[in-house]
Amino acid sequence: MSDTQSEVSAPGPRWSAPSAPAPIRATVPIPGSKSETNRALIIAALAEGPSVIIDGLDARDTRLMRDALRTLGVRITEQGNRWQIDPPSRLRAGGRIDCGLAGTVMRFVPPVAALAPGPVIFDGDQQAYARPMKVILEALRRLGARTDRSALPFTLTGDANLAGGPVTLDASESSQFVSGLLLSGARYANGVDIRHEGPPIPSLPHIEMTVAMLRARGVEVNDSGPNRWIVRPGRIAARDVTIEPDLSNAAPFLAAAAVTGGTVTVPGWPAHTYQPGEQIRDILQRFGAEVNWHGGELQVQGTYHLHGVDVELHGASELTPVVAAVAALADSTSHLRGIAHIRGHETDRLAALETELNRLGAHASQTEDGLVIHPRLLGGDIWHTYADHRMAQAGAVLGLVVPDVELDDVTCTAKTMPEFVDLWNAMIVESQPDPADEDAGEQGAPLW
């Protein structure tokens, strides 16, 4: 177990994960994508005029992003689900930015702050001090900025006419290193020419999302060569955008259908998306669920049979905790691969999942790049979340079918989904069997 893993999340209000009274049958609206929201905020802050973001996610990570941009002089006016972003004529230095535990803030905002003419201080939660930052900070030094350290907290000193240009880095720990430079690159005097050298980059769909959002605003991005992205210097067009639902945050709700033999529908599921969370569709099918998309709605129906899977999650590693929870309830061994890099996420997720699944009675073990999960009869116990929203979601899924699972702190879900507990409880209430239905008992025969 790593040093950071040995410290579980700070004490918070314990939450008894509710059991499913019957197969879950619900329609669950999912708030906006964090990944899209924070990229849209960065792009709008660097655009040539005002932009409007509609249905952006209002959660801790996106509040931290908005506050960070305000510190740099960006005016953001929020009216319900409509946010107007007014970029300044010149970014402002001299402030202090709180990154919290948000990877998108600590890795996307420094390249923006590199365009401010002076020092900007970056800090965050204590858990964030262990998150990888060296790659992005060394890249910014080579592009013309100055930093005093290679991890949080640090001070970055920029230049309104930052040179930019070519930079080679190893982004195998996080695709955010590439996305962060791409988002600001058009504003650098010479643009940016990013080359990746090293093991494969995780979560490539997130880089594809970044490129697509930039191109939609007129930014010239050449990604025709492998492991290379060239952004030409130039203006970023202002544009109003509507944010998609967060498909990764939909995963625990869809998994609820799979593990209880129920049916969950998520409205607003896009026909085409760059979100890695889209992969939950295929993964749940491989576990044995039935998955259908029609007219903008995705529906998952459990079949009372969960089979072990052998699945590569390198491109959608944020799904790992929920997928691991489902695997622990399957009828055979599962192998989750390609996810060594999640040891450097909000917590060491591989160590956390191994520890917590085994505490409930499963037999989970780490491999070099993932997990092997042997299902066993599970029993209730405390489920530590390690201040990690994805760990909390996994614990909630297990609690549907494993009695007496208690999360040490569910409030960490506010990082990307403040409504999680309310939506989870509403889903369960909607699934209550109708006492007037004579067949309710038979229909509610659970998977477990």
Protein backbone atom coordinates (compact mmCIF):
# COMPACT_ATOMS: atom_id res chain seq x y z
CA MET A 1 0.00 0.00 0.00
CA SER A 2 1.34 3.46 -0.90
CA ASP A 3 1.96 6.23 1.63
CA THR A 4 -1.02 8.19 0.33
CA GLN A 5 -3.21 5.09 0.39
CA SER A 6 -2.46 4.41 4.04
CA GLU A 7 -4.43 7.53 4.93
CA VAL A 8 -8.14 7.07 4.33
CA SER A 9 -10.44 9.98 3.72
CA ALA A 10 -10.96 12.53 6.46
CA PRO A 11 -13.77 11.66 8.85
CA GLY A 12 -17.14 12.76 7.55
CA PRO A 13 -20.79 11.88 8.01
CA ARG A 14 -21.16 8.14 7.56
CA TRP A 15 -23.75 7.00 5.06
CA SER A 16 -25.52 3.66 5.16
CA ALA A 17 -25.72 2.64 1.52
CA PRO A 18 -29.41 1.86 0.89
CA SER A 19 -30.37 -1.64 -0.20
CA ALA A 20 -32.52 -2.11 -3.27
CA PRO A 21 -36.07 -3.03 -2.17
CA ALA A 22 -36.64 -4.73 -5.52
CA PRO A 23 -35.04 -4.64 -8.96
CA ILE A 24 -34.21 -1.00 -9.64
CA ARG A 25 -36.60 0.52 -12.16
CA ALA A 26 -36.06 4.23 -12.67
CA THR A 27 -35.33 7.07 -15.06
CA VAL A 28 -32.37 9.12 -13.86
CA PRO A 29 -31.45 12.56 -15.30
CA ILE A 30 -27.68 13.05 -15.16
CA PRO A 31 -26.09 16.52 -14.72
CA GLY A 32 -23.58 17.90 -17.21
CA SER A 33 -20.16 16.51 -18.07
CA LYS A 34 -17.33 17.76 -15.88
CA SER A 35 -14.80 17.13 -18.64
CA GLU A 36 -16.77 19.18 -21.18
CA THR A 37 -17.65 21.90 -18.68
CA ASN A 38 -14.10 22.62 -17.57
CA ARG A 39 -12.74 22.51 -21.11
CA ALA A 40 -15.51 24.88 -22.26
CA LEU A 41 -14.66 27.27 -19.41
CA ILE A 42 -10.96 27.37 -20.32
CA ILE A 43 -11.65 27.90 -24.02
CA ALA A 44 -14.22 30.63 -23.31
CA ALA A 45 -11.77 32.38 -20.96
CA LEU A 46 -9.24 32.60 -23.81
CA ALA A 47 -11.70 33.45 -26.59
CA GLU A 48 -11.90 36.74 -28.48
CA GLY A 49 -15.28 37.68 -27.01
CA PRO A 50 -18.08 36.64 -24.63
CA SER A 51 -19.41 33.07 -24.67
CA VAL A 52 -22.33 31.34 -22.97
CA ILE A 53 -22.23 27.85 -21.45
CA ILE A 54 -25.60 26.14 -20.97
CA ASP A 55 -26.20 23.17 -18.65
CA GLY A 56 -22.65 23.22 -17.33
CA LEU A 57 -21.97 21.01 -14.33
CA ASP A 58 -22.22 22.87 -11.03
CA ALA A 59 -19.97 20.82 -8.74
CA ARG A 60 -16.85 21.32 -6.66
CA ASP A 61 -14.45 20.74 -9.56
CA THR A 62 -16.23 23.21 -11.82
CA ARG A 63 -16.61 25.80 -9.06
CA LEU A 64 -12.88 25.58 -8.45
CA MET A 65 -12.34 26.10 -12.18
CA ARG A 66 -14.61 29.15 -12.30
CA ASP A 67 -12.95 30.64 -9.22
CA ALA A 68 -9.50 29.99 -10.73
CA LEU A 69 -10.42 31.82 -13.93
CA ARG A 70 -11.92 34.68 -11.94
CA THR A 71 -8.60 34.97 -10.08
CA LEU A 72 -6.96 35.45 -13.49
CA GLY A 73 -9.38 38.26 -14.36
CA VAL A 74 -12.13 36.41 -16.24
CA ARG A 75 -15.67 37.63 -15.52
CA ILE A 76 -18.21 34.83 -15.14
CA THR A 77 -21.87 35.64 -14.63
CA GLU A 78 -24.09 32.75 -13.57
CA GLN A 79 -27.86 32.81 -14.10
CA GLY A 80 -29.22 29.35 -13.36
CA ASN A 81 -28.01 26.94 -16.02
CA ARG A 82 -26.70 29.80 -18.18
CA TRP A 83 -23.19 31.09 -17.55
CA GLN A 84 -21.69 34.00 -19.48
CA ILE A 85 -17.91 34.15 -19.72
CA ASP A 86 -16.28 37.50 -20.54
CA PRO A 87 -12.52 37.22 -21.15
CA PRO A 88 -10.26 40.09 -20.02
CA SER A 89 -8.09 42.01 -22.47
CA ARG A 90 -5.11 40.71 -20.49
CA LEU A 91 -4.99 37.98 -17.85
CA ARG A 92 -4.23 39.11 -14.31
CA ALA A 93 -1.33 37.84 -12.18
CA GLY A 94 -0.76 38.09 -8.44
CA GLY A 95 -3.54 35.81 -7.20
CA ARG A 96 -3.81 32.47 -5.41
CA ILE A 97 -5.63 29.54 -7.03
CA ASP A 98 -7.15 26.64 -5.09
CA CYS A 99 -7.05 23.45 -7.17
CA GLY A 100 -8.79 21.33 -4.54
CA LEU A 101 -8.39 17.76 -5.77
CA ALA A 102 -9.38 18.60 -9.36
CA GLY A 103 -6.96 17.31 -11.98
CA THR A 104 -8.49 19.54 -14.64
CA VAL A 105 -7.83 22.63 -12.52
CA MET A 106 -4.27 21.78 -11.49
CA ARG A 107 -3.30 20.79 -15.08
CA PHE A 108 -5.43 23.04 -17.31
CA VAL A 109 -5.10 26.34 -15.44
CA PRO A 110 -1.28 26.64 -15.21
CA PRO A 111 -0.96 26.84 -19.04
CA VAL A 112 -3.52 29.67 -18.91
CA ALA A 113 -1.72 31.40 -16.03
CA ALA A 114 1.48 31.19 -18.08
CA LEU A 115 -0.07 34.02 -20.15
CA ALA A 116 -0.43 36.29 -17.10
CA PRO A 117 2.42 38.82 -16.67
CA GLY A 118 3.58 37.83 -13.21
CA PRO A 119 3.42 35.23 -10.44
CA VAL A 120 0.34 33.11 -9.63
CA ILE A 121 0.26 30.77 -6.63
CA PHE A 122 -1.31 27.32 -6.97
CA ASP A 123 -2.36 25.21 -3.98
CA GLY A 124 -4.91 22.47 -3.28
CA ASP A 125 -6.11 19.75 -0.94
CA GLN A 126 -3.41 17.83 0.90
CA GLN A 127 -4.21 14.72 -1.17
CA ALA A 128 -3.45 16.76 -4.30
CA TYR A 129 0.18 17.25 -3.25
CA ALA A 130 0.89 13.66 -4.32
CA ARG A 131 -0.78 13.95 -7.74
CA PRO A 132 1.62 13.99 -10.71
CA MET A 133 2.42 17.55 -11.85
CA LYS A 134 6.09 17.45 -12.83
CA VAL A 135 5.44 16.75 -16.52
CA ILE A 136 3.16 19.75 -17.16
CA LEU A 137 5.29 22.15 -15.11
CA GLU A 138 8.52 21.13 -16.82
CA ALA A 139 6.78 21.54 -20.19
CA LEU A 140 5.69 25.07 -19.26
CA ARG A 141 9.24 25.94 -18.25
CA ARG A 142 10.48 24.87 -21.67
CA LEU A 143 7.75 26.98 -23.29
CA GLY A 144 8.81 30.13 -21.45
CA ALA A 145 7.19 30.16 -17.98
CA ARG A 146 8.94 29.84 -14.61
CA THR A 147 7.93 27.66 -11.66
CA ASP A 148 9.56 27.19 -8.27
CA ARG A 149 8.50 23.57 -7.67
CA SER A 150 7.35 20.47 -9.58
CA ALA A 151 4.31 19.65 -7.41
CA LEU A 152 1.59 21.45 -5.53
CA PRO A 153 1.88 23.96 -3.97
CA PHE A 154 3.89 26.00 -6.47
CA THR A 155 4.23 29.50 -7.90
CA LEU A 156 4.13 29.99 -11.66
CA THR A 157 5.40 33.19 -13.29
CA GLY A 158 4.19 33.79 -16.82
CA ASP A 159 4.46 36.23 -19.70
CA ALA A 160 1.64 37.84 -21.68
CA ASN A 161 3.71 37.08 -24.80
CA LEU A 162 4.72 33.54 -23.83
CA ALA A 163 6.80 32.06 -26.64
CA GLY A 164 5.39 28.55 -26.79
CA GLY A 165 6.75 26.34 -29.56
CA PRO A 166 7.90 22.70 -29.55
CA VAL A 167 7.86 20.58 -26.40
CA THR A 168 8.41 16.87 -25.79
CA LEU A 169 6.88 15.18 -22.77
CA ASP A 170 5.83 11.82 -21.34
CA ALA A 171 2.05 11.93 -20.83
CA SER A 172 1.68 8.27 -19.85
CA GLU A 173 0.51 9.28 -16.36
CA SER A 174 -2.32 11.51 -17.57
CA SER A 175 -3.84 12.70 -20.84
CA GLN A 176 -4.52 15.98 -19.02
CA PHE A 177 -0.89 17.01 -19.59
CA VAL A 178 -1.57 17.10 -23.34
CA SER A 179 -5.05 18.60 -23.08
CA GLY A 180 -3.84 21.38 -20.78
CA LEU A 181 -1.26 22.55 -23.33
CA LEU A 182 -3.66 22.15 -26.25
CA LEU A 183 -6.32 24.34 -24.61
CA SER A 184 -4.00 27.35 -24.27
CA GLY A 185 -1.63 26.71 -27.16
CA ALA A 186 -3.35 28.95 -29.72
CA ARG A 187 -2.67 31.96 -27.46
CA TYR A 188 1.09 31.34 -27.29
CA ALA A 189 3.18 33.47 -29.66
CA ASN A 190 4.40 30.43 -31.61
CA GLY A 191 1.51 28.13 -30.83
CA VAL A 192 2.55 24.76 -29.46
CA ASP A 193 3.96 21.57 -30.97
CA ILE A 194 3.49 18.71 -28.49
CA ARG A 195 5.26 15.38 -28.87
CA HIS A 196 4.61 12.46 -26.55
CA GLU A 197 7.45 10.02 -25.90
CA GLY A 198 6.81 7.15 -23.53
CA PRO A 199 4.28 4.40 -22.79
CA PRO A 200 0.76 4.79 -24.24
CA ILE A 201 -1.28 7.78 -23.07
CA PRO A 202 -4.36 6.87 -20.99
CA SER A 203 -7.84 8.21 -21.73
CA LEU A 204 -7.12 9.24 -25.32
CA PRO A 205 -10.83 10.07 -25.88
CA HIS A 206 -10.31 13.03 -23.56
CA ILE A 207 -7.62 14.41 -25.89
CA GLU A 208 -9.94 13.83 -28.84
CA MET A 209 -12.62 15.78 -26.96
CA THR A 210 -10.19 18.65 -26.41
CA VAL A 211 -9.21 18.75 -30.09
CA ALA A 212 -12.84 18.65 -31.26
CA MET A 213 -13.87 21.48 -28.93
CA LEU A 214 -10.96 23.64 -30.11
CA ARG A 215 -11.69 23.01 -33.77
CA ALA A 216 -15.32 23.98 -33.19
CA ARG A 217 -13.99 27.40 -32.20
CA GLY A 218 -11.76 27.83 -35.22
CA VAL A 219 -8.47 26.69 -33.69
CA GLU A 220 -6.17 24.89 -36.13
CA VAL A 221 -5.01 21.61 -34.63
CA ASN A 222 -2.97 19.08 -36.60
CA ASP A 223 -3.10 15.64 -34.98
CA SER A 224 -2.41 13.64 -38.15
CA GLY A 225 0.84 12.17 -36.82
CA PRO A 226 1.03 9.62 -34.01
CA ASN A 227 1.67 11.09 -30.56
CA ARG A 228 1.97 14.62 -31.92
CA TRP A 229 -0.36 17.64 -31.75
CA ILE A 230 0.39 20.98 -33.41
CA VAL A 231 -1.70 24.04 -32.51
CA ARG A 232 -1.22 27.09 -34.69
CA PRO A 233 -1.22 30.49 -32.96
CA GLY A 234 -4.35 32.53 -33.50
CA ARG A 235 -7.65 33.70 -32.11
CA ILE A 236 -10.19 31.48 -30.40
CA ALA A 237 -13.73 32.21 -31.60
CA ALA A 238 -16.40 32.90 -29.01
CA ARG A 239 -19.23 30.38 -29.15
CA ASP A 240 -22.23 29.39 -27.06
CA VAL A 241 -22.29 25.69 -26.12
CA THR A 242 -24.62 23.21 -24.40
CA ILE A 243 -22.93 20.58 -22.24
CA GLU A 244 -23.76 16.85 -22.54
CA PRO A 245 -24.74 14.75 -19.50
CA ASP A 246 -21.76 13.25 -17.68
CA LEU A 247 -21.67 9.67 -18.92
CA SER A 248 -19.15 8.52 -16.30
CA ASN A 249 -21.44 9.77 -13.56
CA ALA A 250 -24.24 7.80 -15.22
CA ALA A 251 -22.25 4.59 -14.74
CA PRO A 252 -23.27 3.77 -11.12
CA PHE A 253 -26.97 4.28 -11.95
CA LEU A 254 -26.77 2.04 -15.00
CA ALA A 255 -24.81 -0.50 -12.97
CA ALA A 256 -27.67 -0.48 -10.46
CA ALA A 257 -29.90 -2.00 -13.13
CA ALA A 258 -27.31 -4.65 -13.98
CA VAL A 259 -26.68 -5.80 -10.40
CA THR A 260 -30.36 -5.89 -9.34
CA GLY A 261 -31.92 -7.28 -12.51
CA GLY A 262 -33.79 -4.01 -13.02
CA THR A 263 -34.08 -1.32 -15.67
CA VAL A 264 -32.55 2.17 -15.60
CA THR A 265 -33.02 4.79 -18.31
CA VAL A 266 -30.77 7.84 -18.75
CA PRO A 267 -32.27 10.59 -20.93
CA GLY A 268 -30.17 12.87 -23.10
CA TRP A 269 -27.57 10.24 -23.97
CA PRO A 270 -25.77 11.59 -27.06
CA ALA A 271 -25.75 9.68 -30.35
CA HIS A 272 -22.06 10.60 -30.73
CA THR A 273 -19.68 11.68 -28.01
CA TYR A 274 -16.02 11.92 -27.09
CA GLN A 275 -16.71 11.08 -23.45
CA PRO A 276 -14.89 7.91 -22.32
CA GLY A 277 -17.89 7.13 -20.10
CA GLU A 278 -19.67 6.02 -23.28
CA GLN A 279 -17.81 2.72 -22.88
CA ILE A 280 -20.02 1.72 -19.95
CA ARG A 281 -22.55 0.58 -22.56
CA ASP A 282 -20.29 -2.12 -23.96
CA ILE A 283 -18.91 -3.09 -20.55
CA LEU A 284 -22.33 -3.75 -19.02
CA GLN A 285 -23.32 -5.77 -22.07
CA ARG A 286 -20.24 -7.91 -21.55
CA PHE A 287 -21.29 -8.48 -17.96
CA GLY A 288 -24.60 -9.81 -19.33
CA ALA A 289 -26.96 -6.83 -19.23
CA GLU A 290 -29.14 -5.75 -22.14
CA VAL A 291 -28.36 -2.24 -23.40
CA ASN A 292 -30.45 -0.21 -25.86
CA TRP A 293 -30.30 3.38 -27.15
CA HIS A 294 -33.33 4.97 -28.77
CA GLY A 295 -34.34 8.56 -29.33
CA GLY A 296 -31.68 9.99 -27.07
CA GLU A 297 -32.33 7.60 -24.17
CA LEU A 298 -30.01 4.84 -23.01
CA GLN A 299 -31.62 1.94 -21.19
CA VAL A 300 -29.85 -0.85 -19.31
CA GLN A 301 -31.79 -3.91 -18.25
CA GLY A 302 -30.34 -6.49 -15.91
CA THR A 303 -30.82 -10.16 -16.69
CA TYR A 304 -30.14 -11.71 -13.24
CA HIS A 305 -26.90 -13.14 -14.65
CA LEU A 306 -23.62 -11.28 -14.23
CA HIS A 307 -20.63 -12.93 -15.88
CA GLY A 308 -16.98 -12.19 -15.25
CA VAL A 309 -15.24 -10.02 -17.85
CA ASP A 310 -11.77 -9.45 -19.20
CA VAL A 311 -11.79 -5.77 -20.06
CA GLU A 312 -9.25 -3.16 -21.14
CA LEU A 313 -10.01 0.16 -19.40
CA HIS A 314 -7.00 2.23 -20.45
CA GLY A 315 -9.18 4.64 -22.42
CA ALA A 316 -11.94 4.89 -19.78
CA SER A 317 -10.13 4.36 -16.49
CA GLU A 318 -12.53 6.59 -14.55
CA LEU A 319 -15.07 3.75 -14.85
CA THR A 320 -12.80 1.33 -12.95
CA PRO A 321 -14.32 1.58 -9.44
CA VAL A 322 -17.89 1.00 -10.63
CA VAL A 323 -16.79 -1.77 -13.00
CA ALA A 324 -14.88 -3.40 -10.12
CA ALA A 325 -18.00 -3.28 -7.95
CA VAL A 326 -20.03 -5.06 -10.63
CA ALA A 327 -17.24 -7.60 -11.12
CA ALA A 328 -17.32 -8.43 -7.40
CA LEU A 329 -20.96 -9.52 -7.86
CA ALA A 330 -20.41 -11.60 -11.00
CA ASP A 331 -20.39 -15.40 -11.26
CA SER A 332 -16.73 -15.75 -12.27
CA THR A 333 -13.35 -14.05 -12.18
CA SER A 334 -12.84 -10.66 -13.87
CA HIS A 335 -9.63 -9.07 -15.13
CA LEU A 336 -9.44 -5.26 -15.37
CA ARG A 337 -6.42 -4.18 -17.42
CA GLY A 338 -4.54 -1.12 -18.65
CA ILE A 339 -5.13 1.02 -15.57
CA ALA A 340 -1.78 1.27 -13.80
CA HIS A 341 -2.01 5.08 -14.08
CA ILE A 342 -5.00 5.30 -11.72
CA ARG A 343 -2.59 4.77 -8.86
CA GLY A 344 -2.01 8.52 -9.28
CA HIS A 345 -5.66 9.65 -9.33
CA GLU A 346 -7.59 11.17 -6.41
CA THR A 347 -6.17 8.25 -4.44
CA ASP A 348 -4.32 5.09 -5.43
CA ARG A 349 -7.49 3.56 -6.80
CA LEU A 350 -6.03 0.10 -7.37
CA ALA A 351 -4.86 -0.18 -3.76
CA ALA A 352 -8.13 1.31 -2.51
CA LEU A 353 -10.28 -1.14 -4.49
CA GLU A 354 -8.16 -4.11 -3.44
CA THR A 355 -8.44 -3.10 0.21
CA GLU A 356 -12.14 -2.30 0.29
CA LEU A 357 -13.35 -5.22 -1.84
CA ASN A 358 -11.37 -7.64 0.30
CA ARG A 359 -12.79 -6.08 3.45
CA LEU A 360 -16.28 -7.03 2.21
CA GLY A 361 -15.13 -10.59 1.49
CA ALA A 362 -14.09 -10.56 -2.15
CA HIS A 363 -10.70 -11.79 -3.31
CA ALA A 364 -9.19 -8.90 -5.24
CA SER A 365 -5.52 -8.53 -6.07
CA GLN A 366 -3.47 -5.97 -7.96
CA THR A 367 -1.51 -6.78 -11.06
CA GLU A 368 1.12 -4.61 -12.71
CA ASP A 369 -1.56 -2.76 -14.70
CA GLY A 370 -4.88 -3.58 -13.08
CA LEU A 371 -6.95 -5.86 -10.89
CA VAL A 372 -8.05 -9.48 -10.73
CA ILE A 373 -11.36 -9.90 -8.91
CA HIS A 374 -12.57 -13.31 -7.72
CA PRO A 375 -16.19 -12.99 -6.52
CA ARG A 376 -17.12 -14.47 -3.16
CA LEU A 377 -20.08 -14.14 -0.83
CA LEU A 378 -19.90 -10.54 0.39
CA GLY A 379 -20.87 -9.13 3.76
CA GLY A 380 -21.39 -5.66 5.11
CA ASP A 381 -18.62 -3.50 6.54
CA ILE A 382 -17.26 0.02 6.37
CA TRP A 383 -16.33 1.15 2.84
CA HIS A 384 -13.64 3.82 2.87
CA THR A 385 -13.93 6.39 0.09
CA TYR A 386 -10.47 8.02 0.43
CA ALA A 387 -12.05 11.40 -0.49
CA ASP A 388 -12.61 9.88 -3.96
CA HIS A 389 -15.99 10.35 -5.64
CA ARG A 390 -15.58 7.23 -7.82
CA MET A 391 -14.85 5.06 -4.77
CA ALA A 392 -18.03 6.38 -3.15
CA GLN A 393 -20.06 5.51 -6.25
CA ALA A 394 -18.66 1.96 -6.21
CA GLY A 395 -19.61 1.55 -2.56
CA ALA A 396 -23.17 2.70 -3.30
CA VAL A 397 -23.51 0.10 -6.07
CA LEU A 398 -22.37 -2.70 -3.76
CA GLY A 399 -24.70 -1.49 -1.02
CA LEU A 400 -27.71 -2.17 -3.24
CA VAL A 401 -27.22 -5.91 -2.89
CA VAL A 402 -24.79 -6.38 0.02
CA PRO A 403 -26.45 -5.67 3.40
CA ASP A 404 -24.93 -3.21 5.84
CA VAL A 405 -22.40 -1.43 3.64
CA GLU A 406 -21.54 1.89 5.25
CA LEU A 407 -19.52 4.60 3.47
CA ASP A 408 -17.23 6.60 5.73
CA ASP A 409 -17.97 9.77 3.75
CA VAL A 410 -20.32 10.14 0.80
CA THR A 411 -19.93 13.93 0.58
CA CYS A 412 -16.87 13.49 -1.66
CA THR A 413 -19.31 12.81 -4.53
CA ALA A 414 -19.86 16.59 -4.58
CA LYS A 415 -16.56 16.79 -6.46
CA THR A 416 -18.40 16.05 -9.70
CA MET A 417 -22.01 15.32 -8.70
CA PRO A 418 -23.48 17.19 -5.71
CA GLU A 419 -26.86 15.62 -6.47
CA PHE A 420 -25.57 12.05 -6.16
CA VAL A 421 -27.22 11.09 -2.88
CA ASP A 422 -30.52 12.74 -3.80
CA LEU A 423 -30.59 11.06 -7.21
CA TRP A 424 -29.59 7.71 -5.69
CA ASN A 425 -32.33 7.88 -3.07
CA ALA A 426 -34.89 9.02 -5.65
CA MET A 427 -33.95 6.06 -7.86
CA ILE A 428 -34.56 3.67 -5.00
CA VAL A 429 -37.85 5.31 -4.01
CA GLU A 430 -39.03 5.08 -7.62
CA SER A 431 -38.22 1.36 -7.51
CA GLN A 432 -40.36 0.57 -4.47
CA PRO A 433 -42.76 -2.26 -5.32
CA ASP A 434 -46.42 -1.30 -5.46
CA PRO A 435 -48.20 -2.87 -2.46
CA ALA A 436 -51.36 -3.08 -4.56
CA ASP A 437 -49.60 -5.32 -7.08
CA GLU A 438 -50.33 -8.91 -6.13
CA ASP A 439 -47.32 -10.05 -8.11
CA ALA A 440 -44.95 -7.53 -6.57
CA GLY A 441 -43.21 -10.15 -4.48
CA GLU A 442 -42.55 -12.35 -7.46
CA GLN A 443 -41.48 -9.46 -9.68
CA GLY A 444 -39.17 -8.21 -6.98
CA ALA A 445 -37.23 -11.47 -6.69
CA PRO A 446 -33.73 -10.07 -6.42
CA LEU A 447 -30.55 -11.19 -8.11
CA TRP A 448 -28.77 -11.83 -4.83
